[in-house]
Structure formats: C-alpha cells, structure tokens
Amino acid sequence: MHKIKKTLFFLLVFLTLDPIHAQCAMCKAVVENGGEPMAEGINSGITYLMAFPYILVAILAYSLYRYKKRVKN
C-alpha cells in the first residue's frame, strides 16, 4: 500500500511540473517587458507573500509556548 502511495505521489509531481514551469516563464516575460519599477514591485510582492506565513507560524508557536508554560505552572 505504501509503495502505491509513493508511486502516485511521484506521478502527480511529474505530471504537474510543466504547468509550474510555464508560470515561471510567464512571470519572467512580464518582468522583462515591464522595466525596473515593475520588477521591484513584483519582488516586493514576493517578499510580502513569503514573509507573511512565517510570521503567522512564529506567532502561533509563541502562543503555544506561552500556553504550555502557563498550564505547566
């Protein structure tokens, strides 16, 4: 059963590689034609989208830490 799941996972990954690659090429084309201000805006957006989940996870981890410390006392 585990081998079947592993095989299905690898098939899913390999079948979705082409659309993932296409999206990167599309973003690259937009940035190349848009100039430097557009590239800076896209980079800022990527940074924002990347940082926000990490901040949320850090807040959750800190809250759990405080909760467990409070329950322990």
C-alpha atoms as a PDB file:
ATOM      1  CA  MET A   1       0.000   0.000   0.000  1.00  0.00           C
ATOM      2  CA  HIS A   2       2.833   2.391   0.866  1.00  0.00           C
ATOM      3  CA  LYS A   3       4.526   1.728  -2.468  1.00  0.00           C
ATOM      4  CA  ILE A   4       1.326   2.624  -4.341  1.00  0.00           C
ATOM      5  CA  LYS A   5       1.053   5.930  -2.499  1.00  0.00           C
ATOM      6  CA  LYS A   6       4.676   6.713  -3.259  1.00  0.00           C
ATOM      7  CA  THR A   7       4.196   5.911  -6.951  1.00  0.00           C
ATOM      8  CA  LEU A   8       1.068   8.066  -7.155  1.00  0.00           C
ATOM      9  CA  PHE A   9       2.896  10.929  -5.477  1.00  0.00           C
ATOM     10  CA  PHE A  10       5.775  10.814  -7.961  1.00  0.00           C
ATOM     11  CA  LEU A  11       3.354  10.615 -10.899  1.00  0.00           C
ATOM     12  CA  LEU A  12       1.464  13.621  -9.593  1.00  0.00           C
ATOM     13  CA  VAL A  13       4.696  15.591  -9.175  1.00  0.00           C
ATOM     14  CA  PHE A  14       5.979  14.764 -12.650  1.00  0.00           C
ATOM     15  CA  LEU A  15       2.637  15.486 -14.298  1.00  0.00           C
ATOM     16  CA  THR A  16       2.420  18.932 -12.708  1.00  0.00           C
ATOM     17  CA  LEU A  17       5.974  20.053 -13.487  1.00  0.00           C
ATOM     18  CA  ASP A  18       5.094  21.525 -16.891  1.00  0.00           C
ATOM     19  CA  PRO A  19       2.394  23.964 -15.648  1.00  0.00           C
ATOM     20  CA  ILE A  20       4.636  25.062 -12.786  1.00  0.00           C
ATOM     21  CA  HIS A  21       7.479  25.826 -15.179  1.00  0.00           C
ATOM     22  CA  ALA A  22       5.135  27.718 -17.509  1.00  0.00           C
ATOM     23  CA  GLN A  23       4.070  30.076 -14.747  1.00  0.00           C
ATOM     24  CA  CYS A  24       7.666  30.991 -14.008  1.00  0.00           C
ATOM     25  CA  ALA A  25       8.292  31.772 -17.680  1.00  0.00           C
ATOM     26  CA  MET A  26       5.190  33.954 -17.796  1.00  0.00           C
ATOM     27  CA  CYS A  27       6.298  35.976 -14.773  1.00  0.00           C
ATOM     28  CA  LYS A  28       9.765  36.340 -16.249  1.00  0.00           C
ATOM     29  CA  ALA A  29       8.339  37.650 -19.537  1.00  0.00           C
ATOM     30  CA  VAL A  30       6.174  40.208 -17.728  1.00  0.00           C
ATOM     31  CA  VAL A  31       9.126  41.462 -15.702  1.00  0.00           C
ATOM     32  CA  GLU A  32      11.429  41.659 -18.730  1.00  0.00           C
ATOM     33  CA  ASN A  33       8.906  43.752 -20.686  1.00  0.00           C
ATOM     34  CA  GLY A  34       7.836  45.932 -17.760  1.00  0.00           C
ATOM     35  CA  GLY A  35      11.065  47.588 -16.791  1.00  0.00           C
ATOM     36  CA  GLU A  36      12.796  48.094 -13.457  1.00  0.00           C
ATOM     37  CA  PRO A  37       9.907  49.626 -11.448  1.00  0.00           C
ATOM     38  CA  MET A  38       7.668  46.667 -12.275  1.00  0.00           C
ATOM     39  CA  ALA A  39      10.425  44.203 -11.348  1.00  0.00           C
ATOM     40  CA  GLU A  40      10.898  45.922  -7.995  1.00  0.00           C
ATOM     41  CA  GLY A  41       7.156  45.777  -7.365  1.00  0.00           C
ATOM     42  CA  ILE A  42       6.997  42.082  -8.154  1.00  0.00           C
ATOM     43  CA  ASN A  43       9.987  41.396  -5.904  1.00  0.00           C
ATOM     44  CA  SER A  44       8.325  43.319  -3.077  1.00  0.00           C
ATOM     45  CA  GLY A  45       5.128  41.332  -3.565  1.00  0.00           C
ATOM     46  CA  ILE A  46       7.013  38.045  -3.497  1.00  0.00           C
ATOM     47  CA  THR A  47       8.786  39.076  -0.299  1.00  0.00           C
ATOM     48  CA  TYR A  48       5.474  40.010   1.325  1.00  0.00           C
ATOM     49  CA  LEU A  49       3.824  36.752   0.291  1.00  0.00           C
ATOM     50  CA  MET A  50       6.826  34.772   1.524  1.00  0.00           C
ATOM     51  CA  ALA A  51       7.180  36.528   4.890  1.00  0.00           C
ATOM     52  CA  PHE A  52       3.541  36.577   5.997  1.00  0.00           C
ATOM     53  CA  PRO A  53       3.127  32.792   6.561  1.00  0.00           C
ATOM     54  CA  TYR A  54       6.379  32.672   8.530  1.00  0.00           C
ATOM     55  CA  ILE A  55       5.188  35.494  10.774  1.00  0.00           C
ATOM     56  CA  LEU A  56       1.889  33.701  11.392  1.00  0.00           C
ATOM     57  CA  VAL A  57       3.656  30.432  12.245  1.00  0.00           C
ATOM     58  CA  ALA A  58       6.008  32.279  14.612  1.00  0.00           C
ATOM     59  CA  ILE A  59       3.055  33.908  16.394  1.00  0.00           C
ATOM     60  CA  LEU A  60       1.312  30.541  16.674  1.00  0.00           C
ATOM     61  CA  ALA A  61       4.445  28.855  18.037  1.00  0.00           C
ATOM     62  CA  TYR A  62       4.955  31.618  20.608  1.00  0.00           C
ATOM     63  CA  SER A  63       1.309  31.420  21.674  1.00  0.00           C
ATOM     64  CA  LEU A  64       1.547  27.648  22.119  1.00  0.00           C
ATOM     65  CA  TYR A  65       4.765  28.057  24.084  1.00  0.00           C
ATOM     66  CA  ARG A  66       3.122  30.576  26.440  1.00  0.00           C
ATOM     67  CA  TYR A  67       0.029  28.365  26.788  1.00  0.00           C
ATOM     68  CA  LYS A  68       2.045  25.247  27.664  1.00  0.00           C
ATOM     69  CA  LYS A  69       4.170  27.236  30.116  1.00  0.00           C
ATOM     70  CA  ARG A  70       1.033  28.593  31.801  1.00  0.00           C
ATOM     71  CA  VAL A  71      -0.584  25.132  32.003  1.00  0.00           C
ATOM     72  CA  LYS A  72       2.609  23.627  33.442  1.00  0.00           C
ATOM     73  CA  ASN A  73       2.605  26.123  36.356  1.00  0.00           C
END
